[in-house]
Amino acid sequence: MSNEGKALKEKLFHKNKNGWEKLSNEQLEEIFKFADEYMYYLNSSKTEKEIVQNSKEILRKNGFVDIEEKEELKAGDRVFYSNHGRSLYVAVIGEEVLCKGLRVVAAHCDSPRIDLKQNPVYEDTELAMFKTHYYGGIKKYQWTNIPLSMHGIIVKEDGEKIEISIGEKEEDPIFTISDLLPHLAGEQMERKLKDGVQGEELNVLAGSIPYEDDTISERVKLNILNLLNQKYGITEADFASSEIEFVPAFKAKSLGLDYSMIGGYGQDDKVCCYTALRGILNIQNPKKTAVCVLTDKEEVGFNGVTGMYTMNFEDFVLEILDKKGESAPSSLQRTFSNSKAISADVDAAYNPNYPSAFEKNNTAYLGKGVTLVKYSGVRGKSGSSEAPAEFVAEIRKIYDSVGTKYQPCELGKVDKGGGGTIALTLANRGMEVVDSGVPVMGMHSPFEITSKYDVYSAYKGYEAFYQS
């Protein structure tokens, strides 16, 4: 190839280079340090309620206060609002009036998991079991024969709230969903893969010792309920007003001989929660008000009082307008119409074990930066929010200004893959919005994989966007 051809190719071709190349020792040290901090957060924040609780602690340590504690707001103030303890809205008040628009980065803090039914406890052949109902899109067979921990709350009739976390400490017992051994699974293995384990077969093994009274029935169930009563003061009826989740009991850890990746549960979308949260901590006196949203219920359609369709987000912005003295009949809608947002959600990383699922020119790769997804949805872009080209160009410029690598991509081949994010809930409010997050391999499995380089890139990219 001639020198002229080489120069022209260098100028015109888009180069999606490996982000690890040519990093200084200082940069590598910063990336690995950030990853360690993220893994600590991930290991202590396995549910949406734990995400909100731990994030509030981080915010308070960095000068944020509950918005209810402020009678008025001015530029530079740092506030948050917890929506039923399951979603969190955070703001750093900017110099401009809110009607000139916000800079929003919104991620979701719920992840696929196994929930308890409202009447979960039963006994079968002198084994105590819990009935479950899975949450979000999962491959059900992936959730069998792995260690599970039990998280959540039980609320008694008198309003007392009992928090439960069993299986995370070294001395704690764990739980599991037992699968059938291959020697006896001939019929099961004739099923289609998606039906290999069915929803009603996802029953959690909870105990096996009978209560010491051979004059009664269901002695193992009674013993388990008695242990729960002794420790938490609850009865079987209290499960009707509970939110109990079973999640993988293992910890997130560095993955690979080079420590370049992170393996762990719930990185969809807790990786974007953490990077969005860390990004806003660094914002001081922005021109436009910066807002970080950690929302619930994305995995089941954005609905409910803590999902992104809720009016509680409007209430948060209205309260800021009121406490800044900027309330007017049309102020909320003008604020949203002039706002720009990043839907901080993960996308599928290319998996070399399954190349036929991906279109290589338009997929994300581990270690090559954050994703930049102009549209999501399925098949003919159904259910997507397509970002305007002008806004995508703006995001590119912001990312380039701080050296954040990005990958234009979509989720899988046309007619084969696809998915939705909360982008459309922001766009429906009038905001310009684009999806940009961290590539994940093994998404929605109990053990998801990210690149430490991509995680750090998301953090720096979101920080720059808040400040823009």
Protein backbone atom coordinates (compact mmCIF):
# COMPACT_ATOMS: atom_id res chain seq x y z
CA MET A 1 0.00 0.00 0.00
CA SER A 2 1.34 3.45 -0.92
CA ASN A 3 2.04 6.11 1.67
CA GLU A 4 -0.84 8.10 0.16
CA GLY A 5 -3.22 5.17 0.59
CA LYS A 6 -2.08 4.60 4.16
CA ALA A 7 -2.60 8.25 5.01
CA LEU A 8 -6.05 8.26 3.42
CA LYS A 9 -7.06 5.10 5.27
CA GLU A 10 -5.79 6.56 8.53
CA LYS A 11 -7.90 9.64 7.91
CA LEU A 12 -11.15 8.01 6.75
CA PHE A 13 -11.50 4.66 8.51
CA HIS A 14 -13.09 4.40 11.95
CA LYS A 15 -10.65 2.61 14.23
CA ASN A 16 -12.17 0.73 17.16
CA LYS A 17 -8.91 0.12 19.01
CA ASN A 18 -8.31 -1.82 22.19
CA GLY A 19 -8.44 0.68 25.04
CA TRP A 20 -5.71 -1.02 27.05
CA GLU A 21 -3.02 -0.14 24.51
CA LYS A 22 -0.50 2.58 25.35
CA LEU A 23 -1.84 3.39 28.81
CA SER A 24 0.60 4.87 31.29
CA ASN A 25 1.30 3.20 34.62
CA GLU A 26 -0.61 6.03 36.31
CA GLN A 27 -3.66 5.42 34.11
CA LEU A 28 -3.56 1.68 34.75
CA GLU A 29 -3.31 2.27 38.48
CA GLU A 30 -6.31 4.60 38.43
CA ILE A 31 -8.42 2.15 36.38
CA PHE A 32 -7.66 -0.77 38.70
CA LYS A 33 -8.26 1.33 41.81
CA PHE A 34 -11.64 2.44 40.48
CA ALA A 35 -12.52 -1.18 39.67
CA ASP A 36 -11.71 -2.27 43.22
CA GLU A 37 -14.01 0.42 44.59
CA TYR A 38 -16.75 -0.61 42.18
CA MET A 39 -16.47 -4.28 43.16
CA TYR A 40 -16.78 -3.34 46.85
CA TYR A 41 -19.96 -1.41 46.03
CA LEU A 42 -21.31 -4.29 43.92
CA ASN A 43 -20.70 -6.87 46.64
CA SER A 44 -22.57 -4.82 49.23
CA SER A 45 -25.41 -3.72 46.91
CA LYS A 46 -27.06 -6.79 45.41
CA THR A 47 -30.64 -5.47 45.46
CA GLU A 48 -32.24 -2.19 44.44
CA LYS A 49 -32.92 -1.32 48.10
CA GLU A 50 -29.27 -1.91 49.01
CA ILE A 51 -28.16 0.20 46.04
CA VAL A 52 -30.24 3.13 47.29
CA GLN A 53 -29.15 2.72 50.90
CA ASN A 54 -25.43 2.49 50.09
CA SER A 55 -25.62 5.28 47.51
CA LYS A 56 -27.21 7.60 50.06
CA GLU A 57 -24.33 6.93 52.44
CA ILE A 58 -21.84 7.80 49.69
CA LEU A 59 -23.77 10.96 48.84
CA ARG A 60 -23.89 12.19 52.43
CA LYS A 61 -20.14 11.66 52.78
CA ASN A 62 -19.71 13.90 49.73
CA GLY A 63 -21.81 16.83 50.91
CA PHE A 64 -25.25 15.87 49.56
CA VAL A 65 -28.35 16.27 51.73
CA ASP A 66 -31.96 15.11 51.46
CA ILE A 67 -33.89 17.74 49.53
CA GLU A 68 -36.44 17.81 52.36
CA GLU A 69 -33.74 19.36 54.56
CA LYS A 70 -33.47 22.42 52.28
CA GLU A 71 -36.03 25.24 52.33
CA GLU A 72 -34.45 26.89 49.31
CA LEU A 73 -31.88 25.95 46.70
CA LYS A 74 -29.12 27.89 45.00
CA ALA A 75 -26.32 27.15 42.53
CA GLY A 76 -23.88 24.60 43.90
CA ASP A 77 -26.29 22.93 46.30
CA ARG A 78 -26.17 19.12 46.33
CA VAL A 79 -29.39 17.24 47.07
CA PHE A 80 -31.05 13.85 46.69
CA TYR A 81 -34.47 12.28 47.06
CA SER A 82 -35.21 8.62 47.81
CA ASN A 83 -38.36 7.27 46.16
CA HIS A 84 -39.72 4.59 48.53
CA GLY A 85 -36.17 3.42 49.20
CA ARG A 86 -35.97 1.75 45.78
CA SER A 87 -35.14 4.62 43.42
CA LEU A 88 -32.88 7.61 43.94
CA TYR A 89 -32.76 11.05 42.30
CA VAL A 90 -29.65 13.19 42.79
CA ALA A 91 -28.95 16.78 41.70
CA VAL A 92 -26.17 19.35 41.74
CA ILE A 93 -27.85 22.71 41.19
CA GLY A 94 -26.48 24.65 38.23
CA GLU A 95 -25.94 28.33 37.61
CA GLU A 96 -28.62 28.59 34.90
CA VAL A 97 -32.36 28.50 35.53
CA LEU A 98 -33.77 25.01 35.26
CA CYS A 99 -35.94 25.92 32.27
CA LYS A 100 -32.76 26.02 30.18
CA GLY A 101 -32.50 22.28 30.71
CA LEU A 102 -30.94 19.55 32.82
CA ARG A 103 -28.09 17.15 32.18
CA VAL A 104 -29.46 13.75 33.20
CA VAL A 105 -27.69 10.40 33.49
CA ALA A 106 -30.21 7.66 34.33
CA ALA A 107 -29.40 4.04 35.18
CA HIS A 108 -31.48 1.25 36.71
CA CYS A 109 -30.69 -0.51 39.97
CA ASP A 110 -32.84 -3.64 39.59
CA SER A 111 -31.40 -6.85 38.13
CA PRO A 112 -32.83 -10.25 37.15
CA ARG A 113 -33.28 -12.44 40.21
CA ILE A 114 -35.48 -15.01 41.97
CA ASP A 115 -38.31 -13.61 44.14
CA LEU A 116 -40.32 -15.43 46.80
CA LYS A 117 -44.03 -15.92 46.21
CA GLN A 118 -46.39 -14.52 48.85
CA ASN A 119 -47.12 -18.01 50.24
CA PRO A 120 -43.67 -19.53 49.77
CA VAL A 121 -43.04 -22.08 52.50
CA TYR A 122 -43.93 -25.75 52.01
CA GLU A 123 -42.64 -29.20 52.87
CA ASP A 124 -42.03 -32.09 50.49
CA THR A 125 -40.54 -35.45 51.58
CA GLU A 126 -39.27 -33.88 54.80
CA LEU A 127 -37.49 -31.05 53.03
CA ALA A 128 -38.48 -27.40 53.58
CA MET A 129 -38.80 -25.51 50.31
CA PHE A 130 -39.58 -21.97 49.14
CA LYS A 131 -41.82 -21.32 46.11
CA THR A 132 -40.47 -18.57 43.84
CA HIS A 133 -41.35 -16.36 40.89
CA TYR A 134 -38.41 -15.23 38.75
CA TYR A 135 -37.97 -11.51 38.00
CA GLY A 136 -36.80 -10.22 34.63
CA GLY A 137 -35.52 -12.06 31.58
CA ILE A 138 -33.39 -15.02 32.63
CA LYS A 139 -32.20 -18.37 31.33
CA LYS A 140 -33.80 -20.36 34.12
CA TYR A 141 -31.35 -23.25 33.96
CA GLN A 142 -28.50 -20.88 34.88
CA TRP A 143 -30.01 -20.34 38.33
CA THR A 144 -29.88 -23.97 39.50
CA ASN A 145 -27.18 -25.57 41.64
CA ILE A 146 -25.47 -22.28 42.46
CA PRO A 147 -25.12 -20.70 45.92
CA LEU A 148 -27.88 -18.20 46.63
CA SER A 149 -28.29 -15.60 49.35
CA MET A 150 -31.57 -14.28 50.74
CA HIS A 151 -32.15 -10.52 50.82
CA GLY A 152 -35.10 -8.27 51.45
CA ILE A 153 -37.68 -7.02 53.90
CA ILE A 154 -40.72 -8.35 55.74
CA VAL A 155 -43.25 -5.82 57.01
CA LYS A 156 -45.54 -6.91 59.85
CA GLU A 157 -49.13 -5.79 60.30
CA ASP A 158 -48.09 -3.22 62.90
CA GLY A 159 -45.71 -1.60 60.39
CA GLU A 160 -42.49 -3.02 61.83
CA LYS A 161 -40.00 -3.54 59.00
CA ILE A 162 -37.53 -6.41 59.30
CA GLU A 163 -34.48 -6.46 57.04
CA ILE A 164 -33.11 -9.84 56.03
CA SER A 165 -29.70 -10.71 54.59
CA ILE A 166 -28.63 -14.34 54.85
CA GLY A 167 -25.78 -15.89 52.90
CA GLU A 168 -23.32 -13.04 52.45
CA LYS A 169 -21.23 -13.47 55.61
CA GLU A 170 -18.70 -16.28 55.80
CA GLU A 171 -20.53 -17.88 58.73
CA ASP A 172 -23.98 -17.65 57.10
CA PRO A 173 -25.78 -20.59 55.51
CA ILE A 174 -26.61 -20.37 51.83
CA PHE A 175 -29.47 -21.63 49.67
CA THR A 176 -29.80 -23.30 46.28
CA ILE A 177 -32.25 -24.53 43.65
CA SER A 178 -31.43 -28.16 43.08
CA ASP A 179 -31.45 -29.48 39.51
CA LEU A 180 -31.84 -33.06 38.30
CA LEU A 181 -28.73 -35.22 37.93
CA PRO A 182 -27.84 -36.11 34.31
CA HIS A 183 -28.28 -39.85 35.01
CA LEU A 184 -32.03 -39.28 35.48
CA ALA A 185 -32.53 -36.29 33.23
CA GLY A 186 -33.25 -38.06 29.96
CA GLU A 187 -36.76 -36.61 29.63
CA GLN A 188 -35.67 -33.21 30.87
CA MET A 189 -32.89 -33.04 28.29
CA GLU A 190 -35.41 -33.68 25.49
CA ARG A 191 -37.04 -30.36 26.33
CA LYS A 192 -36.16 -27.22 24.42
CA LEU A 193 -33.39 -25.31 26.16
CA LYS A 194 -35.71 -22.48 27.23
CA ASP A 195 -37.91 -25.05 29.00
CA GLY A 196 -35.09 -27.16 30.42
CA VAL A 197 -35.96 -25.77 33.83
CA GLN A 198 -39.48 -24.39 34.17
CA GLY A 199 -40.61 -21.55 36.36
CA GLU A 200 -42.46 -23.75 38.84
CA GLU A 201 -39.34 -25.90 39.22
CA LEU A 202 -37.29 -23.00 40.62
CA ASN A 203 -37.94 -23.99 44.23
CA VAL A 204 -35.33 -23.03 46.82
CA LEU A 205 -34.04 -25.67 49.25
CA ALA A 206 -34.41 -24.19 52.76
CA GLY A 207 -33.91 -26.92 55.39
CA SER A 208 -34.20 -30.56 56.41
CA ILE A 209 -34.33 -30.91 60.24
CA PRO A 210 -37.79 -31.71 61.70
CA TYR A 211 -39.23 -30.01 64.75
CA GLU A 212 -38.93 -32.29 67.79
CA ASP A 213 -42.56 -33.31 68.12
CA ASP A 214 -43.52 -36.46 66.23
CA THR A 215 -47.23 -35.97 66.94
CA ILE A 216 -47.60 -33.24 64.31
CA SER A 217 -47.24 -33.06 60.54
CA GLU A 218 -44.99 -30.83 58.41
CA ARG A 219 -42.34 -30.82 61.10
CA VAL A 220 -39.51 -29.56 58.85
CA LYS A 221 -41.60 -26.62 57.66
CA LEU A 222 -42.48 -25.88 61.28
CA ASN A 223 -38.83 -25.97 62.30
CA ILE A 224 -37.90 -23.46 59.56
CA LEU A 225 -40.77 -21.14 60.51
CA ASN A 226 -39.79 -21.47 64.15
CA LEU A 227 -36.19 -20.49 63.39
CA LEU A 228 -37.43 -17.44 61.46
CA ASN A 229 -39.78 -16.56 64.30
CA GLN A 230 -37.02 -16.82 66.90
CA LYS A 231 -34.66 -14.62 64.88
CA TYR A 232 -37.05 -12.12 63.31
CA GLY A 233 -40.35 -12.46 65.20
CA ILE A 234 -42.32 -13.30 62.05
CA THR A 235 -45.00 -15.84 61.21
CA GLU A 236 -45.95 -17.47 57.91
CA ALA A 237 -48.67 -14.87 57.34
CA ASP A 238 -46.04 -12.10 57.28
CA PHE A 239 -44.66 -13.34 53.96
CA ALA A 240 -47.74 -11.81 52.33
CA SER A 241 -46.21 -8.36 52.98
CA SER A 242 -42.62 -9.16 52.15
CA GLU A 243 -40.10 -8.49 49.40
CA ILE A 244 -37.60 -11.33 49.51
CA GLU A 245 -35.09 -11.86 46.72
CA PHE A 246 -32.64 -14.69 46.11
CA VAL A 247 -29.44 -13.60 44.38
CA PRO A 248 -26.06 -15.29 43.81
CA ALA A 249 -24.12 -15.59 47.05
CA PHE A 250 -20.69 -15.36 45.43
CA LYS A 251 -18.66 -12.13 45.30
CA ALA A 252 -17.62 -10.04 42.32
CA LYS A 253 -13.92 -10.54 41.62
CA SER A 254 -11.23 -9.71 39.10
CA LEU A 255 -11.36 -12.06 36.12
CA GLY A 256 -8.48 -13.22 33.93
CA LEU A 257 -4.78 -13.75 34.56
CA ASP A 258 -4.22 -10.08 33.74
CA TYR A 259 -6.96 -8.92 36.17
CA SER A 260 -8.47 -6.95 33.27
CA MET A 261 -12.12 -7.93 33.74
CA ILE A 262 -14.76 -8.12 36.47
CA GLY A 263 -17.01 -11.12 36.99
CA GLY A 264 -20.03 -10.85 39.24
CA TYR A 265 -23.79 -10.70 39.65
CA GLY A 266 -25.99 -7.70 38.83
CA GLN A 267 -23.65 -5.66 36.65
CA ASP A 268 -26.71 -5.00 34.47
CA ASP A 269 -27.20 -2.27 35.43
CA LYS A 270 -25.41 -1.65 38.70
CA VAL A 271 -22.21 -0.92 36.79
CA CYS A 272 -23.91 2.14 35.30
CA CYS A 273 -25.44 3.05 38.67
CA TYR A 274 -22.00 3.23 40.22
CA THR A 275 -20.29 5.07 37.37
CA ALA A 276 -23.16 7.58 37.10
CA LEU A 277 -23.11 8.13 40.86
CA ARG A 278 -19.34 8.51 41.03
CA GLY A 279 -19.44 10.94 38.11
CA ILE A 280 -21.84 13.35 39.80
CA LEU A 281 -19.79 13.37 43.02
CA ASN A 282 -17.09 15.33 41.18
CA ILE A 283 -19.42 18.03 39.83
CA GLN A 284 -19.02 21.48 41.37
CA ASN A 285 -21.07 24.52 40.28
CA PRO A 286 -22.13 23.24 36.86
CA LYS A 287 -23.66 25.56 34.29
CA LYS A 288 -26.77 23.39 33.97
CA THR A 289 -28.24 21.38 36.82
CA ALA A 290 -26.79 17.86 36.79
CA VAL A 291 -29.13 15.00 37.68
CA CYS A 292 -28.32 11.35 38.39
CA VAL A 293 -31.22 8.89 38.41
CA LEU A 294 -31.02 5.36 39.82
CA THR A 295 -34.41 3.85 39.01
CA ASP A 296 -36.17 0.57 39.72
CA LYS A 297 -38.32 -1.84 37.66
CA GLU A 298 -36.47 -1.50 34.32
CA GLU A 299 -36.24 -5.25 33.95
CA VAL A 300 -40.03 -5.61 34.03
CA GLY A 301 -41.10 -2.61 31.95
CA PHE A 302 -40.38 0.63 33.87
CA ASN A 303 -43.80 0.62 35.58
CA GLY A 304 -44.81 0.94 39.22
CA VAL A 305 -44.31 3.67 41.79
CA THR A 306 -40.52 3.25 41.70
CA GLY A 307 -40.15 2.71 37.94
CA MET A 308 -39.16 5.43 35.46
CA TYR A 309 -42.74 6.02 34.33
CA THR A 310 -43.64 7.26 37.82
CA MET A 311 -44.56 10.92 38.37
CA ASN A 312 -42.23 10.98 41.39
CA PHE A 313 -39.42 12.10 39.09
CA GLU A 314 -41.58 15.06 38.04
CA ASP A 315 -42.20 15.79 41.72
CA PHE A 316 -38.45 15.91 42.36
CA VAL A 317 -37.85 18.41 39.55
CA LEU A 318 -40.89 20.45 40.60
CA GLU A 319 -39.51 20.66 44.13
CA ILE A 320 -36.20 21.96 42.80
CA LEU A 321 -38.07 24.56 40.71
CA ASP A 322 -40.11 25.60 43.74
CA LYS A 323 -37.13 25.86 46.09
CA LYS A 324 -35.21 27.87 43.50
CA GLY A 325 -38.15 30.24 43.13
CA GLU A 326 -38.62 29.31 39.47
CA SER A 327 -42.08 27.76 39.54
CA ALA A 328 -44.43 28.71 36.73
CA PRO A 329 -47.33 26.95 34.95
CA SER A 330 -45.12 25.67 32.13
CA SER A 331 -41.76 25.52 33.88
CA LEU A 332 -41.63 21.73 34.27
CA GLN A 333 -42.34 20.96 30.63
CA ARG A 334 -39.94 23.66 29.42
CA THR A 335 -37.27 22.19 31.70
CA PHE A 336 -37.76 18.71 30.24
CA SER A 337 -37.97 19.96 26.65
CA ASN A 338 -34.60 21.68 26.98
CA SER A 339 -32.95 18.77 28.81
CA LYS A 340 -30.50 16.23 27.45
CA ALA A 341 -30.02 12.78 28.88
CA ILE A 342 -27.94 9.63 28.76
CA SER A 343 -29.80 6.40 29.35
CA ALA A 344 -26.93 4.66 31.12
CA ASP A 345 -27.65 1.02 30.39
CA VAL A 346 -25.42 -1.86 29.44
CA ASP A 347 -25.29 -3.53 26.04
CA ALA A 348 -24.22 -6.98 24.89
CA ALA A 349 -20.49 -7.51 24.43
CA TYR A 350 -19.35 -9.75 21.58
CA ASN A 351 -18.94 -13.35 22.70
CA PRO A 352 -16.46 -15.35 20.57
CA ASN A 353 -18.17 -18.59 21.65
CA TYR A 354 -21.36 -17.50 19.85
CA PRO A 355 -20.31 -15.37 16.85
CA SER A 356 -23.50 -16.05 14.87
CA ALA A 357 -25.55 -13.92 17.28
CA PHE A 358 -23.61 -10.74 16.48
CA GLU A 359 -23.03 -8.51 13.47
CA LYS A 360 -19.38 -7.69 14.00
CA ASN A 361 -19.42 -4.19 12.49
CA ASN A 362 -22.17 -3.07 14.85
CA THR A 363 -21.54 -4.75 18.16
CA ALA A 364 -19.66 -3.76 21.30
CA TYR A 365 -16.45 -5.42 22.47
CA LEU A 366 -14.91 -5.75 25.90
CA GLY A 367 -12.08 -3.29 26.44
CA LYS A 368 -12.94 -0.84 23.69
CA GLY A 369 -14.90 1.76 25.63
CA VAL A 370 -18.50 2.70 26.37
CA THR A 371 -21.34 1.92 24.03
CA LEU A 372 -23.11 4.59 21.97
CA VAL A 373 -26.53 3.28 20.94
CA LYS A 374 -28.53 5.58 18.68
CA TYR A 375 -31.58 3.28 18.81
CA SER A 376 -32.59 0.13 20.64
CA GLY A 377 -35.82 -1.85 20.35
CA VAL A 378 -36.46 -5.11 18.51
CA ARG A 379 -36.85 -6.06 14.85
CA GLY A 380 -37.95 -2.83 13.11
CA LYS A 381 -36.77 -0.69 16.05
CA SER A 382 -40.04 -1.44 17.87
CA GLY A 383 -40.07 -0.02 21.38
CA SER A 384 -37.03 2.17 20.82
CA SER A 385 -36.23 5.80 21.34
CA GLU A 386 -33.99 6.91 18.48
CA ALA A 387 -31.59 9.70 19.35
CA PRO A 388 -31.33 12.68 16.96
CA ALA A 389 -28.09 12.68 14.94
CA GLU A 390 -27.28 16.15 16.28
CA PHE A 391 -27.35 14.90 19.86
CA VAL A 392 -25.25 11.84 19.06
CA ALA A 393 -22.66 14.16 17.52
CA GLU A 394 -22.72 16.24 20.70
CA ILE A 395 -22.07 13.17 22.86
CA ARG A 396 -19.20 12.13 20.59
CA LYS A 397 -17.63 15.56 21.02
CA ILE A 398 -18.00 15.43 24.81
CA TYR A 399 -16.47 11.96 25.01
CA ASP A 400 -13.62 12.91 22.68
CA SER A 401 -12.88 16.00 24.76
CA VAL A 402 -11.93 13.83 27.77
CA GLY A 403 -10.47 10.90 25.85
CA THR A 404 -13.40 8.53 26.51
CA LYS A 405 -13.47 5.80 23.88
CA TYR A 406 -16.92 4.91 22.57
CA GLN A 407 -18.36 2.17 20.37
CA PRO A 408 -21.38 2.80 18.10
CA CYS A 409 -23.35 -0.44 18.34
CA GLU A 410 -26.64 -2.25 18.72
CA LEU A 411 -27.74 -5.40 20.53
CA GLY A 412 -27.29 -8.41 18.23
CA LYS A 413 -28.28 -9.05 14.63
CA VAL A 414 -31.43 -7.55 13.16
CA ASP A 415 -34.41 -9.87 13.72
CA LYS A 416 -32.32 -11.94 16.13
CA GLY A 417 -31.81 -9.72 19.15
CA GLY A 418 -32.79 -6.38 20.57
CA GLY A 419 -34.06 -4.93 23.80
CA GLY A 420 -35.43 -1.82 25.44
CA THR A 421 -34.16 0.68 27.99
CA ILE A 422 -35.55 3.61 29.96
CA ALA A 423 -34.50 5.94 27.12
CA LEU A 424 -38.06 6.10 25.81
CA THR A 425 -39.40 7.17 29.23
CA LEU A 426 -37.06 10.16 29.15
CA ALA A 427 -37.79 10.93 25.50
CA ASN A 428 -41.53 10.82 26.22
CA ARG A 429 -40.96 13.63 28.70
CA GLY A 430 -39.42 15.72 25.89
CA MET A 431 -35.72 15.12 26.48
CA GLU A 432 -33.11 14.35 23.85
CA VAL A 433 -31.68 11.01 24.97
CA VAL A 434 -29.15 8.45 23.82
CA ASP A 435 -28.16 5.08 25.30
CA SER A 436 -24.58 4.83 26.46
CA GLY A 437 -23.27 2.24 28.89
CA VAL A 438 -20.83 -0.56 29.59
CA PRO A 439 -20.57 -3.68 27.37
CA VAL A 440 -21.45 -6.85 29.30
CA MET A 441 -20.77 -10.46 28.36
CA GLY A 442 -23.24 -13.00 29.73
CA MET A 443 -25.88 -10.35 30.39
CA HIS A 444 -28.79 -11.42 32.65
CA SER A 445 -26.89 -14.45 33.89
CA PRO A 446 -25.94 -14.90 37.57
CA PHE A 447 -22.33 -14.08 36.60
CA GLU A 448 -21.82 -11.19 34.19
CA ILE A 449 -18.51 -9.96 32.78
CA THR A 450 -17.25 -6.42 32.17
CA SER A 451 -13.91 -4.84 31.30
CA LYS A 452 -12.32 -2.61 33.91
CA TYR A 453 -11.32 -0.26 31.11
CA ASP A 454 -14.92 0.15 29.97
CA VAL A 455 -16.15 0.70 33.53
CA TYR A 456 -13.67 3.53 34.03
CA SER A 457 -14.50 4.98 30.61
CA ALA A 458 -18.19 5.20 31.53
CA TYR A 459 -17.32 7.05 34.73
CA LYS A 460 -15.21 9.65 32.92
CA GLY A 461 -17.74 10.01 30.09
CA TYR A 462 -20.69 10.57 32.43
CA GLU A 463 -18.68 13.06 34.48
CA ALA A 464 -17.92 15.08 31.34
CA PHE A 465 -21.57 15.02 30.28
CA TYR A 466 -22.79 16.33 33.64
CA GLN A 467 -20.37 19.21 33.29
CA SER A 468 -21.25 20.05 29.66
